[in-house]
Amino acid sequence: MTMKVREGMIEVPGGRVWYRSVGEGGIPLLCLHGGPGMTHNYIDPLEDLGDRRRVIFYDQLGCGRSDRPDDTSLWTVPHFVREVEAVRGALELERFHLFGSSWGGQLSMQYILDYQPPSLVSLIMSGSPASMPRWVEGCMQLLAELPTDVRRAIEEHEAAGFTSCPEYLGAVAVFYQRHLCRLQPWPAGLERSFAEMSPVVYETMNGPSEFTVTGRFRDWDVFERLGEIRVPTLVMGGRHDEIRVDHLTDIHKGIADSELVIFEDSSHTPFHEERPLFMQTVNEFLDRAEGAS
């Protein structure tokens, strides 16, 4: 089956973003990638959902095929929230579902809290924290479980500021292999997202690594406001995820009309690691959410 594909550029605050739409009909699903600074490529498996609805991806400003302005003052949570609304408006999404992976889920929550979009039917998140301090706390626990030489290499290189050194990158790769994607080799889309990611956006917003968060959203925390999210919500993550299951469980408890699914054989990318089950889970949730609306 050949699905309809559309691509183009959308004007957003500070520049233009590139988007890709796969499939047609149904209530569209707008997908937000993680990072910050990654590209949409690693969440490409969600194209599987395009047989029932339009699935829309875009590279956030500064990333991938979108414009890459030099103005680092743009890299803030409020900017990326305004960008989501600009994309929604440009694509005339009168009713839509919202999906966020990792940082994309954080962005989704903040977007809902800031805009309370009346056209939103449901929220789906995979591996997304509600608190960066708590995310770091969880990552520190995972870091402590790494082999001593790996952990020491990470700590010593970060202390010295040598985070571009091959030895450091190799040590971080051990963490990623355990908690980001457990498949070997990694899927091409994930490799491409890392190859094309923006280190400027990532380091400005986050910092040098997943577990050393020194950037602009290091204090971001919406736990106390989760009750303001009033759409059907699916909270997901992997048993071996960077984000701890207790964190995901507390997000689920904080959002009244939410469901929680943990993928037992996955880390941070269950849409790759347990792809058929992931798509089945999402489709069944979307059916329930649309029935409820």
Protein backbone atom coordinates (compact mmCIF):
# COMPACT_ATOMS: atom_id res chain seq x y z
CA MET A 1 0.00 0.00 0.00
CA THR A 2 1.39 3.39 -1.02
CA MET A 3 0.59 6.18 1.41
CA LYS A 4 0.26 9.81 0.43
CA VAL A 5 3.33 11.84 1.37
CA ARG A 6 3.57 15.63 1.58
CA GLU A 7 6.59 17.73 2.50
CA GLY A 8 7.16 21.46 2.86
CA MET A 9 8.37 24.38 4.94
CA ILE A 10 6.40 26.26 7.61
CA GLU A 11 7.10 29.74 8.94
CA VAL A 12 7.63 29.72 12.72
CA PRO A 13 9.12 32.30 15.11
CA GLY A 14 12.78 32.71 14.14
CA GLY A 15 12.74 30.88 10.80
CA ARG A 16 11.17 27.98 8.91
CA VAL A 17 10.75 24.33 9.85
CA TRP A 18 10.57 21.38 7.47
CA TYR A 19 7.67 18.96 7.80
CA ARG A 20 6.63 15.62 6.36
CA SER A 21 3.09 14.23 6.35
CA VAL A 22 2.38 10.53 5.72
CA GLY A 23 -1.06 9.04 5.10
CA GLU A 24 -4.46 10.73 4.96
CA GLY A 25 -7.87 10.73 6.58
CA GLY A 26 -8.69 10.16 10.23
CA ILE A 27 -7.75 12.53 13.03
CA PRO A 28 -4.12 13.58 12.37
CA LEU A 29 -1.26 12.67 14.72
CA LEU A 30 1.35 15.44 15.19
CA CYS A 31 4.70 13.95 16.31
CA LEU A 32 7.36 15.81 18.29
CA HIS A 33 10.90 14.43 18.33
CA GLY A 34 13.32 14.52 21.24
CA GLY A 35 16.74 15.95 21.89
CA PRO A 36 16.47 18.86 22.09
CA GLY A 37 18.49 19.07 18.89
CA MET A 38 17.70 15.66 17.38
CA THR A 39 15.70 15.21 14.15
CA HIS A 40 12.45 13.47 13.30
CA ASN A 41 14.26 10.50 11.68
CA TYR A 42 14.48 8.29 14.75
CA ILE A 43 10.69 8.34 15.23
CA ASP A 44 10.06 7.34 11.60
CA PRO A 45 8.51 4.02 12.68
CA LEU A 46 5.38 6.01 13.55
CA GLU A 47 4.74 6.12 9.80
CA ASP A 48 3.24 2.65 10.45
CA LEU A 49 0.23 4.50 11.91
CA GLY A 50 -0.37 6.28 8.58
CA ASP A 51 -2.66 3.53 7.31
CA ARG A 52 -5.44 4.94 9.51
CA ARG A 53 -4.65 8.64 9.73
CA ARG A 54 -2.34 11.42 8.67
CA VAL A 55 0.93 11.27 10.64
CA ILE A 56 2.92 14.52 10.69
CA PHE A 57 6.61 14.95 11.59
CA TYR A 58 8.75 18.07 11.61
CA ASP A 59 12.33 18.94 12.46
CA GLN A 60 12.33 21.54 15.22
CA LEU A 61 14.06 24.84 14.39
CA GLY A 62 17.83 24.48 14.39
CA CYS A 63 17.58 20.77 13.55
CA GLY A 64 17.70 18.52 10.50
CA ARG A 65 16.18 20.03 7.35
CA SER A 66 14.79 23.07 9.14
CA ASP A 67 16.49 26.46 9.19
CA ARG A 68 19.49 26.69 11.52
CA PRO A 69 19.67 30.29 12.76
CA ASP A 70 22.76 31.43 14.66
CA ASP A 71 20.69 33.15 17.38
CA THR A 72 21.10 30.93 20.46
CA SER A 73 18.59 33.07 22.37
CA LEU A 74 15.93 31.11 20.44
CA TRP A 75 16.72 27.87 22.24
CA THR A 76 14.25 28.07 25.10
CA VAL A 77 11.21 26.05 26.13
CA PRO A 78 8.80 28.97 25.37
CA HIS A 79 10.22 29.26 21.84
CA PHE A 80 9.66 25.59 21.05
CA VAL A 81 6.14 25.78 22.52
CA ARG A 82 5.28 28.70 20.20
CA GLU A 83 6.73 26.66 17.34
CA VAL A 84 4.29 23.78 18.01
CA GLU A 85 1.36 26.19 17.84
CA ALA A 86 2.71 27.74 14.63
CA VAL A 87 2.94 24.30 13.01
CA ARG A 88 -0.55 23.36 14.20
CA GLY A 89 -1.98 26.58 12.81
CA ALA A 90 -0.16 26.38 9.49
CA LEU A 91 -1.37 22.81 8.92
CA GLU A 92 -4.90 23.79 10.00
CA LEU A 93 -5.19 20.96 12.52
CA GLU A 94 -8.70 21.53 13.84
CA ARG A 95 -8.73 18.18 15.66
CA PHE A 96 -5.51 16.31 16.32
CA HIS A 97 -3.62 13.88 18.53
CA LEU A 98 -0.18 14.82 19.89
CA PHE A 99 2.75 12.41 20.26
CA GLY A 100 6.03 13.25 21.98
CA SER A 101 9.17 11.17 22.39
CA SER A 102 11.46 12.10 25.32
CA TRP A 103 11.92 15.91 25.11
CA GLY A 104 9.04 15.88 22.61
CA GLY A 105 6.73 14.72 25.42
CA GLN A 106 8.00 17.46 27.72
CA LEU A 107 7.28 19.94 24.94
CA SER A 108 3.80 18.42 24.50
CA MET A 109 2.99 18.83 28.19
CA GLN A 110 4.21 22.43 28.27
CA TYR A 111 2.28 23.21 25.08
CA ILE A 112 -0.93 21.87 26.61
CA LEU A 113 -0.35 23.78 29.85
CA ASP A 114 0.34 27.04 27.99
CA TYR A 115 -2.36 26.82 25.30
CA GLN A 116 -4.99 24.32 26.52
CA PRO A 117 -5.68 23.69 22.80
CA PRO A 118 -9.41 22.98 22.35
CA SER A 119 -8.67 20.99 19.19
CA LEU A 120 -6.48 18.42 20.98
CA VAL A 121 -8.10 14.97 21.22
CA SER A 122 -5.37 13.06 23.10
CA LEU A 123 -1.75 13.05 24.25
CA ILE A 124 0.74 10.17 23.81
CA MET A 125 4.20 10.24 25.37
CA SER A 126 7.10 7.81 25.22
CA GLY A 127 10.00 8.08 27.67
CA SER A 128 9.16 11.66 28.68
CA PRO A 129 9.95 13.16 32.10
CA ALA A 130 7.81 15.69 33.95
CA SER A 131 10.85 16.96 35.85
CA MET A 132 14.43 17.41 34.69
CA PRO A 133 15.86 17.31 38.24
CA ARG A 134 14.13 13.99 38.77
CA TRP A 135 15.29 12.74 35.34
CA VAL A 136 18.89 13.50 36.34
CA GLU A 137 18.38 11.77 39.68
CA GLY A 138 17.21 8.64 37.84
CA CYS A 139 20.09 8.79 35.35
CA MET A 140 22.55 9.05 38.24
CA GLN A 141 21.17 5.78 39.60
CA LEU A 142 21.64 4.13 36.19
CA LEU A 143 25.13 5.59 35.89
CA ALA A 144 26.05 4.03 39.23
CA GLU A 145 25.16 0.61 37.79
CA LEU A 146 27.66 0.90 34.92
CA PRO A 147 31.02 -0.91 35.08
CA THR A 148 33.50 1.04 37.24
CA ASP A 149 35.89 1.89 34.37
CA VAL A 150 33.03 3.19 32.20
CA ARG A 151 31.60 5.31 35.00
CA ARG A 152 35.04 6.68 35.87
CA ALA A 153 35.73 7.61 32.22
CA ILE A 154 32.45 9.54 32.06
CA GLU A 155 33.00 11.35 35.37
CA GLU A 156 36.64 12.27 34.74
CA HIS A 157 36.05 13.54 31.20
CA GLU A 158 33.06 15.63 32.24
CA ALA A 159 35.00 17.10 35.17
CA ALA A 160 37.81 18.09 32.79
CA GLY A 161 35.42 19.33 30.08
CA PHE A 162 36.71 16.77 27.56
CA THR A 163 33.29 15.66 26.30
CA SER A 164 34.35 15.42 22.65
CA CYS A 165 37.08 12.89 23.43
CA PRO A 166 36.61 9.43 21.81
CA GLU A 167 37.13 7.73 25.18
CA TYR A 168 34.27 9.75 26.68
CA LEU A 169 32.01 9.12 23.68
CA GLY A 170 32.77 5.41 23.91
CA ALA A 171 31.83 5.33 27.59
CA VAL A 172 28.58 7.22 26.93
CA ALA A 173 27.82 4.70 24.17
CA VAL A 174 27.75 1.96 26.82
CA PHE A 175 25.02 3.90 28.66
CA TYR A 176 23.11 4.44 25.40
CA GLN A 177 23.32 0.76 24.49
CA ARG A 178 21.71 -0.13 27.81
CA HIS A 179 19.17 2.65 28.18
CA LEU A 180 18.57 4.43 24.85
CA CYS A 181 18.31 1.59 22.32
CA ARG A 182 19.17 -2.03 23.03
CA LEU A 183 19.07 -3.16 19.39
CA GLN A 184 22.30 -4.06 17.59
CA PRO A 185 22.98 -2.59 15.15
CA TRP A 186 21.03 0.59 15.81
CA PRO A 187 18.20 1.41 13.37
CA ALA A 188 19.24 3.65 10.47
CA GLY A 189 16.81 6.42 11.50
CA LEU A 190 18.33 6.61 14.97
CA GLU A 191 21.85 6.67 13.54
CA ARG A 192 20.80 9.44 11.18
CA SER A 193 19.27 11.51 13.98
CA PHE A 194 22.55 11.37 15.90
CA ALA A 195 24.55 12.17 12.75
CA GLU A 196 22.38 15.21 11.94
CA MET A 197 21.64 16.47 15.45
CA SER A 198 22.45 20.04 16.42
CA PRO A 199 25.05 20.08 19.21
CA VAL A 200 24.35 23.80 19.71
CA VAL A 201 20.64 23.27 20.42
CA TYR A 202 21.35 20.18 22.54
CA GLU A 203 24.07 21.75 24.65
CA THR A 204 22.24 25.06 25.06
CA MET A 205 19.03 23.39 26.19
CA ASN A 206 20.37 20.26 27.87
CA GLY A 207 24.14 20.11 28.36
CA PRO A 208 26.92 17.67 27.43
CA SER A 209 25.01 14.41 28.03
CA GLU A 210 21.71 12.83 29.06
CA PHE A 211 22.84 12.67 32.68
CA THR A 212 24.74 15.97 32.94
CA VAL A 213 22.01 18.58 32.46
CA THR A 214 23.45 22.08 32.76
CA GLY A 215 21.43 23.83 30.03
CA ARG A 216 18.41 26.12 30.02
CA PHE A 217 15.81 23.49 30.91
CA ARG A 218 17.76 21.95 33.81
CA ASP A 219 15.16 23.21 36.33
CA TRP A 220 12.09 22.46 34.19
CA ASP A 221 9.41 20.70 36.25
CA VAL A 222 5.65 20.44 35.66
CA PHE A 223 4.77 17.74 38.22
CA GLU A 224 2.60 20.13 40.22
CA ARG A 225 0.61 21.06 37.10
CA LEU A 226 -0.09 17.60 35.64
CA GLY A 227 -3.69 17.85 36.86
CA GLU A 228 -4.23 20.61 34.31
CA ILE A 229 -3.80 18.10 31.46
CA ARG A 230 -7.39 17.06 30.82
CA VAL A 231 -7.23 15.01 27.62
CA PRO A 232 -6.96 11.22 27.41
CA THR A 233 -3.24 10.52 27.86
CA LEU A 234 -1.07 7.47 27.20
CA VAL A 235 2.17 7.42 29.23
CA MET A 236 4.72 4.89 27.93
CA GLY A 237 8.31 3.86 28.49
CA GLY A 238 10.64 0.89 28.46
CA ARG A 239 11.59 -1.29 31.42
CA HIS A 240 15.25 -0.38 30.73
CA ASP A 241 14.54 3.26 29.81
CA GLU A 242 16.65 6.27 30.78
CA ILE A 243 13.56 7.46 32.61
CA ARG A 244 12.77 5.31 35.63
CA VAL A 245 9.46 3.46 35.83
CA ASP A 246 8.60 5.17 39.13
CA HIS A 247 8.86 8.56 37.37
CA LEU A 248 6.50 7.37 34.60
CA THR A 249 4.13 5.92 37.21
CA ASP A 250 3.93 9.24 39.05
CA ILE A 251 3.19 11.08 35.77
CA HIS A 252 0.37 8.60 35.16
CA LYS A 253 -0.97 9.23 38.67
CA GLY A 254 -0.80 12.99 38.11
CA ILE A 255 -2.86 13.01 34.89
CA ALA A 256 -6.43 12.03 35.71
CA ASP A 257 -7.50 10.42 32.44
CA SER A 258 -4.29 8.56 31.66
CA GLU A 259 -3.06 5.05 30.95
CA LEU A 260 0.40 3.62 31.66
CA VAL A 261 2.20 1.05 29.49
CA ILE A 262 5.72 -0.27 30.17
CA PHE A 263 7.40 -2.22 27.36
CA GLU A 264 9.31 -5.01 29.06
CA ASP A 265 11.97 -5.57 26.37
CA SER A 266 12.66 -1.91 25.55
CA SER A 267 14.73 1.03 26.70
CA HIS A 268 14.13 4.60 25.42
CA THR A 269 12.94 3.66 21.90
CA PRO A 270 10.16 1.05 22.18
CA PHE A 271 8.84 2.14 18.78
CA HIS A 272 11.99 0.45 17.40
CA GLU A 273 12.64 -2.20 20.04
CA GLU A 274 9.09 -3.60 20.22
CA ARG A 275 7.67 -1.99 17.10
CA PRO A 276 4.58 -4.16 16.36
CA LEU A 277 3.41 -4.12 19.99
CA PHE A 278 4.06 -0.38 20.24
CA MET A 279 1.94 0.39 17.16
CA GLN A 280 -0.86 -1.91 18.33
CA THR A 281 -0.84 -0.22 21.74
CA VAL A 282 -1.02 3.27 20.21
CA ASN A 283 -3.75 2.38 17.69
CA GLU A 284 -5.92 0.83 20.40
CA PHE A 285 -5.46 3.90 22.60
CA LEU A 286 -6.33 6.26 19.72
CA ASP A 287 -9.49 4.28 19.06
CA ARG A 288 -10.52 4.63 22.71
CA ALA A 289 -9.67 8.34 22.80
CA GLU A 290 -11.65 9.05 19.65
CA GLY A 291 -14.58 7.05 20.98
CA ALA A 292 -14.51 9.06 24.20
CA SER A 293 -14.42 12.38 22.33
